[in-house]
PDB file of N, CA and C in Angstrom:
ATOM      1  N   MET A   1     124.158  10.561  44.220  1.00  0.00           N
ATOM      2  CA  MET A   1     122.879  11.187  44.481  1.00  0.00           C
ATOM      3  C   MET A   1     123.029  12.703  44.311  1.00  0.00           C
ATOM      4  N   ASP A   2     121.989  13.296  43.809  1.00  0.00           N
ATOM      5  CA  ASP A   2     121.973  14.737  43.591  1.00  0.00           C
ATOM      6  C   ASP A   2     121.848  15.456  44.937  1.00  0.00           C
ATOM      7  N   LEU A   3     122.604  16.527  45.120  1.00  0.00           N
ATOM      8  CA  LEU A   3     122.601  17.267  46.382  1.00  0.00           C
ATOM      9  C   LEU A   3     121.273  17.988  46.612  1.00  0.00           C
ATOM     10  N   ARG A   4     120.516  18.226  45.550  1.00  0.00           N
ATOM     11  CA  ARG A   4     119.240  18.927  45.697  1.00  0.00           C
ATOM     12  C   ARG A   4     118.199  18.094  46.424  1.00  0.00           C
ATOM     13  N   THR A   5     118.289  16.775  46.345  1.00  0.00           N
ATOM     14  CA  THR A   5     117.292  15.924  46.994  1.00  0.00           C
ATOM     15  C   THR A   5     117.354  16.013  48.520  1.00  0.00           C
ATOM     16  N   PRO A   6     118.493  15.764  49.167  1.00  0.00           N
ATOM     17  CA  PRO A   6     118.500  15.888  50.632  1.00  0.00           C
ATOM     18  C   PRO A   6     118.282  17.326  51.112  1.00  0.00           C
ATOM     19  N   SER A   7     118.782  18.296  50.348  1.00  0.00           N
ATOM     20  CA  SER A   7     118.546  19.696  50.726  1.00  0.00           C
ATOM     21  C   SER A   7     117.067  20.021  50.638  1.00  0.00           C
ATOM     22  N   GLY A   8     116.427  19.570  49.584  1.00  0.00           N
ATOM     23  CA  GLY A   8     114.996  19.803  49.429  1.00  0.00           C
ATOM     24  C   GLY A   8     114.189  19.142  50.523  1.00  0.00           C
ATOM     25  N   LEU A   9     114.567  17.917  50.881  1.00  0.00           N
ATOM     26  CA  LEU A   9     113.868  17.234  51.970  1.00  0.00           C
ATOM     27  C   LEU A   9     114.055  17.968  53.300  1.00  0.00           C
ATOM     28  N   LEU A  10     115.268  18.413  53.571  1.00  0.00           N
ATOM     29  CA  LEU A  10     115.541  19.134  54.814  1.00  0.00           C
ATOM     30  C   LEU A  10     114.706  20.407  54.912  1.00  0.00           C
ATOM     31  N   PHE A  11     114.734  21.216  53.857  1.00  0.00           N
ATOM     32  CA  PHE A  11     113.993  22.474  53.896  1.00  0.00           C
ATOM     33  C   PHE A  11     112.484  22.237  53.913  1.00  0.00           C
ATOM     34  N   THR A  12     112.020  21.198  53.236  1.00  0.00           N
ATOM     35  CA  THR A  12     110.592  20.898  53.250  1.00  0.00           C
ATOM     36  C   THR A  12     110.140  20.476  54.641  1.00  0.00           C
ATOM     37  N   ILE A  13     110.914  19.618  55.286  1.00  0.00           N
ATOM     38  CA  ILE A  13     110.555  19.171  56.633  1.00  0.00           C
ATOM     39  C   ILE A  13     110.596  20.333  57.623  1.00  0.00           C
ATOM     40  N   LEU A  14     111.635  21.163  57.543  1.00  0.00           N
ATOM     41  CA  LEU A  14     111.709  22.326  58.432  1.00  0.00           C
ATOM     42  C   LEU A  14     110.557  23.299  58.173  1.00  0.00           C
ATOM     43  N   GLY A  15     110.197  23.481  56.917  1.00  0.00           N
ATOM     44  CA  GLY A  15     109.084  24.357  56.581  1.00  0.00           C
ATOM     45  C   GLY A  15     107.770  23.850  57.137  1.00  0.00           C
ATOM     46  N   VAL A  16     107.553  22.549  57.049  1.00  0.00           N
ATOM     47  CA  VAL A  16     106.323  21.961  57.595  1.00  0.00           C
ATOM     48  C   VAL A  16     106.289  22.116  59.111  1.00  0.00           C
ATOM     49  N   ILE A  17     107.427  21.910  59.766  1.00  0.00           N
ATOM     50  CA  ILE A  17     107.481  22.066  61.224  1.00  0.00           C
ATOM     51  C   ILE A  17     107.196  23.505  61.632  1.00  0.00           C
ATOM     52  N   LEU A  18     107.836  24.468  60.972  1.00  0.00           N
ATOM     53  CA  LEU A  18     107.597  25.877  61.315  1.00  0.00           C
ATOM     54  C   LEU A  18     106.158  26.288  61.014  1.00  0.00           C
ATOM     55  N   PHE A  19     105.629  25.829  59.898  1.00  0.00           N
ATOM     56  CA  PHE A  19     104.242  26.150  59.540  1.00  0.00           C
ATOM     57  C   PHE A  19     103.274  25.564  60.569  1.00  0.00           C
ATOM     58  N   ALA A  20     103.525  24.327  60.991  1.00  0.00           N
ATOM     59  CA  ALA A  20     102.670  23.699  61.998  1.00  0.00           C
ATOM     60  C   ALA A  20     102.764  24.438  63.333  1.00  0.00           C
ATOM     61  N   MET A  21     103.965  24.869  63.701  1.00  0.00           N
ATOM     62  CA  MET A  21     104.123  25.637  64.940  1.00  0.00           C
ATOM     63  C   MET A  21     103.341  26.950  64.874  1.00  0.00           C
ATOM     64  N   ALA A  22     103.342  27.587  63.713  1.00  0.00           N
ATOM     65  CA  ALA A  22     102.628  28.856  63.563  1.00  0.00           C
ATOM     66  C   ALA A  22     101.126  28.651  63.653  1.00  0.00           C
ATOM     67  N   ILE A  23     100.637  27.544  63.105  1.00  0.00           N
ATOM     68  CA  ILE A  23      99.196  27.275  63.124  1.00  0.00           C
ATOM     69  C   ILE A  23      98.738  26.814  64.509  1.00  0.00           C
ATOM     70  N   LEU A  24      99.519  25.936  65.135  1.00  0.00           N
ATOM     71  CA  LEU A  24      99.099  25.340  66.401  1.00  0.00           C
ATOM     72  C   LEU A  24      99.290  26.262  67.598  1.00  0.00           C
ATOM     73  N   SER A  25     100.277  27.134  67.565  1.00  0.00           N
ATOM     74  CA  SER A  25     100.479  28.067  68.684  1.00  0.00           C
ATOM     75  C   SER A  25     100.738  29.465  68.129  1.00  0.00           C
ATOM     76  N   PRO A  26      99.689  30.162  67.700  1.00  0.00           N
ATOM     77  CA  PRO A  26      99.885  31.490  67.099  1.00  0.00           C
ATOM     78  C   PRO A  26     100.342  32.552  68.090  1.00  0.00           C
ATOM     79  N   GLY A  27     100.220  32.294  69.375  1.00  0.00           N
ATOM     80  CA  GLY A  27     100.624  33.280  70.370  1.00  0.00           C
ATOM     81  C   GLY A  27     102.124  33.343  70.610  1.00  0.00           C
ATOM     82  N   SER A  28     102.858  32.350  70.140  1.00  0.00           N
ATOM     83  CA  SER A  28     104.310  32.335  70.373  1.00  0.00           C
ATOM     84  C   SER A  28     105.025  33.052  69.230  1.00  0.00           C
ATOM     85  N   ARG A  29     105.010  34.360  69.316  1.00  0.00           N
ATOM     86  CA  ARG A  29     105.647  35.200  68.298  1.00  0.00           C
ATOM     87  C   ARG A  29     106.906  35.837  68.861  1.00  0.00           C
ATOM     88  N   ALA A  30     107.714  36.331  67.949  1.00  0.00           N
ATOM     89  CA  ALA A  30     108.896  37.072  68.375  1.00  0.00           C
ATOM     90  C   ALA A  30     108.448  38.385  69.008  1.00  0.00           C
ATOM     91  N   PRO A  31     109.124  38.830  70.068  1.00  0.00           N
ATOM     92  CA  PRO A  31     108.709  40.085  70.702  1.00  0.00           C
ATOM     93  C   PRO A  31     108.910  41.283  69.769  1.00  0.00           C
ATOM     94  N   MET A  32     108.015  42.228  69.869  1.00  0.00           N
ATOM     95  CA  MET A  32     108.033  43.486  69.113  1.00  0.00           C
ATOM     96  C   MET A  32     107.918  43.283  67.594  1.00  0.00           C
ATOM     97  N   VAL A  33     107.279  42.200  67.192  1.00  0.00           N
ATOM     98  CA  VAL A  33     107.046  41.945  65.767  1.00  0.00           C
ATOM     99  C   VAL A  33     105.574  41.616  65.604  1.00  0.00           C
ATOM    100  N   GLU A  34     104.917  42.295  64.698  1.00  0.00           N
ATOM    101  CA  GLU A  34     103.490  42.055  64.482  1.00  0.00           C
ATOM    102  C   GLU A  34     103.242  40.810  63.639  1.00  0.00           C
ATOM    103  N   ALA A  35     104.159  40.497  62.721  1.00  0.00           N
ATOM    104  CA  ALA A  35     103.973  39.354  61.837  1.00  0.00           C
ATOM    105  C   ALA A  35     104.339  38.059  62.566  1.00  0.00           C
ATOM    106  N   ASN A  36     103.704  36.973  62.162  1.00  0.00           N
ATOM    107  CA  ASN A  36     104.039  35.662  62.701  1.00  0.00           C
ATOM    108  C   ASN A  36     105.246  35.132  61.924  1.00  0.00           C
ATOM    109  N   VAL A  37     106.408  35.224  62.535  1.00  0.00           N
ATOM    110  CA  VAL A  37     107.663  34.886  61.868  1.00  0.00           C
ATOM    111  C   VAL A  37     107.717  33.401  61.524  1.00  0.00           C
ATOM    112  N   ASN A  38     107.165  32.550  62.381  1.00  0.00           N
ATOM    113  CA  ASN A  38     107.155  31.120  62.085  1.00  0.00           C
ATOM    114  C   ASN A  38     106.335  30.820  60.838  1.00  0.00           C
ATOM    115  N   LEU A  39     105.234  31.517  60.661  1.00  0.00           N
ATOM    116  CA  LEU A  39     104.393  31.289  59.485  1.00  0.00           C
ATOM    117  C   LEU A  39     105.112  31.721  58.210  1.00  0.00           C
ATOM    118  N   VAL A  40     105.684  32.896  58.224  1.00  0.00           N
ATOM    119  CA  VAL A  40     106.382  33.404  57.041  1.00  0.00           C
ATOM    120  C   VAL A  40     107.625  32.560  56.743  1.00  0.00           C
ATOM    121  N   GLY A  41     108.408  32.280  57.768  1.00  0.00           N
ATOM    122  CA  GLY A  41     109.601  31.464  57.587  1.00  0.00           C
ATOM    123  C   GLY A  41     109.265  30.050  57.133  1.00  0.00           C
ATOM    124  N   GLY A  42     108.216  29.480  57.700  1.00  0.00           N
ATOM    125  CA  GLY A  42     107.795  28.137  57.303  1.00  0.00           C
ATOM    126  C   GLY A  42     107.363  28.079  55.853  1.00  0.00           C
ATOM    127  N   LEU A  43     106.636  29.089  55.413  1.00  0.00           N
ATOM    128  CA  LEU A  43     106.206  29.111  54.010  1.00  0.00           C
ATOM    129  C   LEU A  43     107.380  29.296  53.056  1.00  0.00           C
ATOM    130  N   VAL A  44     108.347  30.132  53.449  1.00  0.00           N
ATOM    131  CA  VAL A  44     109.535  30.336  52.612  1.00  0.00           C
ATOM    132  C   VAL A  44     110.357  29.054  52.543  1.00  0.00           C
ATOM    133  N   PHE A  45     110.592  28.423  53.699  1.00  0.00           N
ATOM    134  CA  PHE A  45     111.349  27.166  53.722  1.00  0.00           C
ATOM    135  C   PHE A  45     110.633  26.089  52.923  1.00  0.00           C
ATOM    136  N   LEU A  46     109.324  25.995  53.094  1.00  0.00           N
ATOM    137  CA  LEU A  46     108.547  24.992  52.378  1.00  0.00           C
ATOM    138  C   LEU A  46     108.610  25.219  50.878  1.00  0.00           C
ATOM    139  N   GLY A  47     108.460  26.453  50.456  1.00  0.00           N
ATOM    140  CA  GLY A  47     108.541  26.771  49.033  1.00  0.00           C
ATOM    141  C   GLY A  47     109.910  26.462  48.460  1.00  0.00           C
ATOM    142  N   PHE A  48     110.961  26.834  49.181  1.00  0.00           N
ATOM    143  CA  PHE A  48     112.320  26.576  48.712  1.00  0.00           C
ATOM    144  C   PHE A  48     112.595  25.075  48.637  1.00  0.00           C
ATOM    145  N   GLY A  49     112.158  24.351  49.643  1.00  0.00           N
ATOM    146  CA  GLY A  49     112.356  22.900  49.644  1.00  0.00           C
ATOM    147  C   GLY A  49     111.636  22.224  48.501  1.00  0.00           C
ATOM    148  N   LEU A  50     110.414  22.656  48.222  1.00  0.00           N
ATOM    149  CA  LEU A  50     109.663  22.070  47.116  1.00  0.00           C
ATOM    150  C   LEU A  50     110.287  22.406  45.770  1.00  0.00           C
ATOM    151  N   VAL A  51     110.820  23.600  45.629  1.00  0.00           N
ATOM    152  CA  VAL A  51     111.522  23.963  44.385  1.00  0.00           C
ATOM    153  C   VAL A  51     112.767  23.105  44.213  1.00  0.00           C
ATOM    154  N   MET A  52     113.512  22.894  45.298  1.00  0.00           N
ATOM    155  CA  MET A  52     114.701  22.047  45.212  1.00  0.00           C
ATOM    156  C   MET A  52     114.336  20.615  44.829  1.00  0.00           C
ATOM    157  N   LEU A  53     113.272  20.080  45.422  1.00  0.00           N
ATOM    158  CA  LEU A  53     112.839  18.734  45.080  1.00  0.00           C
ATOM    159  C   LEU A  53     112.360  18.656  43.633  1.00  0.00           C
ATOM    160  N   TRP A  54     111.670  19.684  43.179  1.00  0.00           N
ATOM    161  CA  TRP A  54     111.206  19.708  41.798  1.00  0.00           C
ATOM    162  C   TRP A  54     112.389  19.751  40.824  1.00  0.00           C
ATOM    163  N   MET A  55     113.406  20.553  41.149  1.00  0.00           N
ATOM    164  CA  MET A  55     114.584  20.631  40.286  1.00  0.00           C
ATOM    165  C   MET A  55     115.353  19.303  40.272  1.00  0.00           C
ATOM    166  N   ALA A  56     115.429  18.623  41.422  1.00  0.00           N
ATOM    167  CA  ALA A  56     116.106  17.325  41.478  1.00  0.00           C
ATOM    168  C   ALA A  56     115.331  16.292  40.676  1.00  0.00           C
ATOM    169  N   ARG A  57     114.024  16.348  40.759  1.00  0.00           N
ATOM    170  CA  ARG A  57     113.174  15.395  40.019  1.00  0.00           C
ATOM    171  C   ARG A  57     113.271  15.649  38.517  1.00  0.00           C
ATOM    172  N   ARG A  58     113.333  16.917  38.132  1.00  0.00           N
ATOM    173  CA  ARG A  58     113.407  17.280  36.734  1.00  0.00           C
ATOM    174  C   ARG A  58     114.759  16.881  36.119  1.00  0.00           C
ATOM    175  N   ALA A  59     115.822  16.914  36.910  1.00  0.00           N
ATOM    176  CA  ALA A  59     117.157  16.579  36.414  1.00  0.00           C
ATOM    177  C   ALA A  59     117.331  15.066  36.251  1.00  0.00           C
ATOM    178  N   ALA A  60     116.531  14.282  36.959  1.00  0.00           N
ATOM    179  CA  ALA A  60     116.693  12.819  36.906  1.00  0.00           C
ATOM    180  C   ALA A  60     116.124  12.218  35.646  1.00  0.00           C
TER     181      ALA A  60
END
């Protein structure tokens, strides 16, 4: 099995969880930071996971 598939799934799932946390509880932010770190981190993880899954699918 290609290593990109489980890595992509892991990052996609973590990205969805962080994104959902940012949407469902926007008040839980890191102290002294104006940006919602869960939202930004979730989108980055989600994007990276989807790219990994796309690359694994393209290689198959």
